[in-house]
Amino acid sequence: MIELGHDAFELLVIDELDLLPDEMVDGLDNLIFVTEDRPEDGSLDLLGLYEGVALTERGNYGFGELPDRIILFREPLLAVCADLDELKDQIHVTLVHEIAHFYGIDDEQLHELGWS
């Protein structure tokens, strides 16, 4: 497992966000990105999580809504990566996966597209 503190991990996530294509991130509205050490259950099984209402399921969504969240979990991501390059790649894949959920793409579709 790689050792990387919270601040350094957060900077890696920001760097990977900046590398995502404009057409993927331009439509992100009322969404925040958060890093946490582990999921609430303490497991190392979950790398990321989208919390919110996907664009395809929004009805009267508008002003005053709390932002949706995409959470990347530091310790699980570190646990599955052998080195820094692999960690960057996995952060990228996790971001794409969770952003896809924001756009209403489910796990089955992501698997078909090679992103799960």
Protein backbone atom coordinates (compact mmCIF):
# COMPACT_ATOMS: atom_id res chain seq x y z
CA MET A 1 0.00 0.00 0.00
CA ILE A 2 1.22 3.48 -0.89
CA GLU A 3 1.57 6.02 1.90
CA LEU A 4 0.07 9.40 0.99
CA GLY A 5 -1.41 12.00 3.31
CA HIS A 6 -4.83 13.57 2.92
CA ASP A 7 -3.58 16.87 1.48
CA ALA A 8 -1.32 15.21 -1.09
CA PHE A 9 -4.15 12.85 -2.08
CA GLU A 10 -6.54 15.76 -2.51
CA LEU A 11 -4.03 17.50 -4.79
CA LEU A 12 -3.80 14.35 -6.94
CA VAL A 13 -7.59 14.30 -7.25
CA ILE A 14 -7.61 17.97 -8.30
CA ASP A 15 -4.89 17.29 -10.87
CA GLU A 16 -6.85 14.36 -12.32
CA LEU A 17 -10.04 16.45 -12.43
CA ASP A 18 -8.16 19.08 -14.42
CA LEU A 19 -7.14 16.41 -16.96
CA LEU A 20 -10.71 15.28 -17.69
CA PRO A 21 -12.13 16.33 -21.07
CA ASP A 22 -14.15 19.55 -21.16
CA GLU A 23 -17.18 17.77 -22.62
CA MET A 24 -17.28 15.59 -19.50
CA VAL A 25 -17.00 18.33 -16.89
CA ASP A 26 -18.76 21.26 -18.58
CA GLY A 27 -22.19 19.78 -17.78
CA LEU A 28 -21.46 19.26 -14.09
CA ASP A 29 -23.84 21.52 -12.23
CA ASN A 30 -24.39 21.85 -8.49
CA LEU A 31 -21.82 19.14 -7.78
CA ILE A 32 -18.90 19.09 -5.37
CA PHE A 33 -15.94 16.73 -5.16
CA VAL A 34 -14.86 15.54 -1.73
CA THR A 35 -12.11 13.27 -0.44
CA GLU A 36 -12.54 11.17 2.67
CA ASP A 37 -10.33 8.54 4.26
CA ARG A 38 -12.85 5.66 4.19
CA PRO A 39 -16.54 5.00 3.63
CA GLU A 40 -18.78 5.25 6.71
CA ASP A 41 -18.70 1.47 7.22
CA GLY A 42 -14.89 1.58 7.46
CA SER A 43 -14.38 -0.87 4.61
CA LEU A 44 -11.75 -0.71 1.90
CA ASP A 45 -14.13 -2.05 -0.76
CA LEU A 46 -15.52 1.24 -2.09
CA LEU A 47 -13.23 3.55 -4.08
CA GLY A 48 -15.73 6.31 -4.81
CA LEU A 49 -19.36 7.25 -4.40
CA TYR A 50 -21.87 9.51 -6.13
CA GLU A 51 -24.48 10.97 -3.77
CA GLY A 52 -27.28 12.85 -5.43
CA VAL A 53 -29.94 12.75 -8.10
CA ALA A 54 -28.73 11.84 -11.58
CA LEU A 55 -29.54 14.29 -14.36
CA THR A 56 -31.80 11.70 -15.98
CA GLU A 57 -33.91 11.46 -12.80
CA ARG A 58 -34.28 15.12 -11.91
CA GLY A 59 -37.73 16.60 -12.01
CA ASN A 60 -38.21 20.03 -10.50
CA TYR A 61 -34.59 20.49 -9.57
CA GLY A 62 -33.45 24.03 -9.13
CA PHE A 63 -32.39 26.89 -6.97
CA GLY A 64 -31.72 26.08 -3.35
CA GLU A 65 -30.90 22.41 -3.85
CA LEU A 66 -27.97 21.08 -1.87
CA PRO A 67 -25.14 20.08 -4.20
CA ASP A 68 -24.65 16.49 -5.25
CA ARG A 69 -21.36 14.98 -4.09
CA ILE A 70 -18.72 12.75 -5.56
CA ILE A 71 -16.55 11.26 -2.85
CA LEU A 72 -13.19 9.61 -3.46
CA PHE A 73 -11.94 7.43 -0.61
CA ARG A 74 -8.22 7.79 0.03
CA GLU A 75 -7.40 4.59 1.94
CA PRO A 76 -9.25 2.18 -0.38
CA LEU A 77 -7.65 3.79 -3.43
CA LEU A 78 -4.22 3.59 -1.84
CA ALA A 79 -4.83 -0.06 -0.91
CA VAL A 80 -5.46 -1.18 -4.50
CA CYS A 81 -2.49 0.64 -6.05
CA ALA A 82 1.13 -0.43 -6.13
CA ASP A 83 2.65 2.94 -7.06
CA LEU A 84 1.87 6.59 -7.74
CA ASP A 85 1.23 6.10 -11.47
CA GLU A 86 -1.29 3.36 -10.78
CA LEU A 87 -2.94 5.59 -8.16
CA LYS A 88 -3.31 8.43 -10.67
CA ASP A 89 -4.86 6.03 -13.18
CA GLN A 90 -7.27 4.63 -10.58
CA ILE A 91 -8.29 8.12 -9.43
CA HIS A 92 -9.00 8.97 -13.08
CA VAL A 93 -11.10 5.84 -13.59
CA THR A 94 -12.98 6.44 -10.33
CA LEU A 95 -13.74 10.05 -11.26
CA VAL A 96 -15.04 9.01 -14.68
CA HIS A 97 -17.12 6.24 -13.08
CA GLU A 98 -18.75 8.54 -10.51
CA ILE A 99 -19.29 11.40 -12.99
CA ALA A 100 -21.03 8.88 -15.24
CA HIS A 101 -23.48 8.19 -12.39
CA PHE A 102 -24.17 11.95 -12.24
CA TYR A 103 -25.14 11.76 -15.92
CA GLY A 104 -27.41 8.76 -15.24
CA ILE A 105 -25.17 5.96 -16.51
CA ASP A 106 -25.54 2.87 -14.31
CA ASP A 107 -22.95 0.26 -13.34
CA GLU A 108 -24.07 -2.19 -16.03
CA GLN A 109 -23.59 0.41 -18.78
CA LEU A 110 -20.24 1.41 -17.29
CA HIS A 111 -19.13 -2.20 -17.32
CA GLU A 112 -20.10 -2.50 -20.99
CA LEU A 113 -18.07 0.64 -21.71
CA GLY A 114 -15.05 -0.69 -19.78
CA TRP A 115 -15.24 1.81 -16.89
CA SER A 116 -16.02 -0.45 -13.96
